[in-house]
Amino acid sequence: MERQEILNLMNEIQEKRGRKKVENEEVLLSEIGFRSLDFSELALRVERSFGGELPFDAVALREIRTAKSVLDFLEEAVKSA
C-alpha cells in the first residue's frame, strides 16, 4: 500500500468527522483533531485495504505526534507485514 493511499484514507476519516484534510504532513495531530480512535480506524482501513494484519510497536506508537509520523508508522507496518 502506497503512502498516498494511506493519506487518502486518513483524509476520508477527517472529512467524515467534519475536519480539515491533511495538506501538510508536518501538522500536529492535535491541531487537526486526529485522535487515537481515528488512528485505530485508519489502521483497520489499512489492514482491510491490503488484506493483512499490521504489526504494532507500542514504543513507536507513543512517538506519533504529526501526520507524517502516522504515515511513516503505517507505511513501515505495511512493509513489515
Protein backbone atom coordinates (compact mmCIF):
# COMPACT_ATOMS: atom_id res chain seq x y z
CA MET A 1 0.00 0.00 0.00
CA GLU A 2 1.41 3.35 -1.03
CA ARG A 3 1.82 6.36 1.25
CA GLN A 4 -0.65 8.41 -0.81
CA GLU A 5 -3.30 5.70 -0.36
CA ILE A 6 -2.82 5.85 3.42
CA LEU A 7 -3.08 9.64 3.32
CA ASN A 8 -6.27 9.37 1.28
CA LEU A 9 -7.77 7.06 3.92
CA MET A 10 -6.68 9.47 6.65
CA ASN A 11 -8.36 12.34 4.83
CA GLU A 12 -11.55 10.30 4.41
CA ILE A 13 -11.68 9.96 8.20
CA GLN A 14 -11.01 13.66 8.62
CA GLU A 15 -13.80 14.57 6.21
CA LYS A 16 -16.21 12.11 7.82
CA ARG A 17 -15.62 13.86 11.15
CA GLY A 18 -16.05 17.33 9.59
CA ARG A 19 -12.38 18.24 9.95
CA LYS A 20 -9.81 19.71 7.59
CA LYS A 21 -7.88 17.45 5.24
CA VAL A 22 -4.20 16.90 5.89
CA GLU A 23 -2.36 19.13 3.45
CA ASN A 24 0.96 19.36 5.27
CA GLU A 25 2.44 16.19 6.76
CA GLU A 26 4.23 18.22 9.46
CA VAL A 27 0.93 19.30 11.05
CA LEU A 28 0.47 18.21 14.65
CA LEU A 29 -2.34 15.71 15.14
CA SER A 30 -3.71 17.85 17.96
CA GLU A 31 -4.09 20.77 15.54
CA ILE A 32 -6.30 18.76 13.18
CA GLY A 33 -8.23 16.87 15.85
CA PHE A 34 -6.87 13.45 14.85
CA ARG A 35 -7.22 11.25 17.94
CA SER A 36 -6.31 7.72 18.94
CA LEU A 37 -9.75 6.46 17.89
CA ASP A 38 -9.14 7.97 14.44
CA PHE A 39 -5.75 6.23 14.31
CA SER A 40 -7.41 2.92 15.17
CA GLU A 41 -9.98 3.39 12.42
CA LEU A 42 -7.23 4.29 9.96
CA ALA A 43 -5.19 1.22 10.91
CA LEU A 44 -8.24 -1.02 10.40
CA ARG A 45 -8.90 0.54 6.99
CA VAL A 46 -5.26 0.00 6.01
CA GLU A 47 -5.44 -3.63 7.12
CA ARG A 48 -8.62 -4.19 5.09
CA SER A 49 -7.12 -2.48 2.04
CA PHE A 50 -4.01 -4.60 1.88
CA GLY A 51 -5.56 -7.75 3.30
CA GLY A 52 -3.23 -8.37 6.22
CA GLU A 53 -2.69 -7.66 9.88
CA LEU A 54 -0.34 -4.85 10.89
CA PRO A 55 2.39 -5.41 13.47
CA PHE A 56 2.31 -2.65 16.10
CA ASP A 57 5.26 -1.46 18.17
CA ALA A 58 3.92 0.14 21.35
CA VAL A 59 7.05 2.26 21.83
CA ALA A 60 6.79 3.67 18.30
CA LEU A 61 3.07 4.38 18.79
CA ARG A 62 3.85 6.68 21.73
CA GLU A 63 6.10 8.79 19.49
CA ILE A 64 3.37 9.64 16.98
CA ARG A 65 2.67 13.38 17.04
CA THR A 66 2.30 14.51 13.41
CA ALA A 67 0.51 13.37 10.28
CA LYS A 68 3.94 12.46 8.91
CA SER A 69 4.63 10.16 11.86
CA VAL A 70 1.25 8.42 11.31
CA LEU A 71 2.05 7.90 7.63
CA ASP A 72 5.61 6.76 8.35
CA PHE A 73 4.40 4.33 11.00
CA LEU A 74 1.66 2.77 8.86
CA GLU A 75 3.81 2.69 5.74
CA GLU A 76 6.52 0.81 7.64
CA ALA A 77 3.96 -1.51 9.27
CA VAL A 78 2.56 -2.46 5.84
CA LYS A 79 6.08 -3.22 4.58
CA SER A 80 6.77 -5.37 7.65
CA ALA A 81 3.53 -7.34 7.41
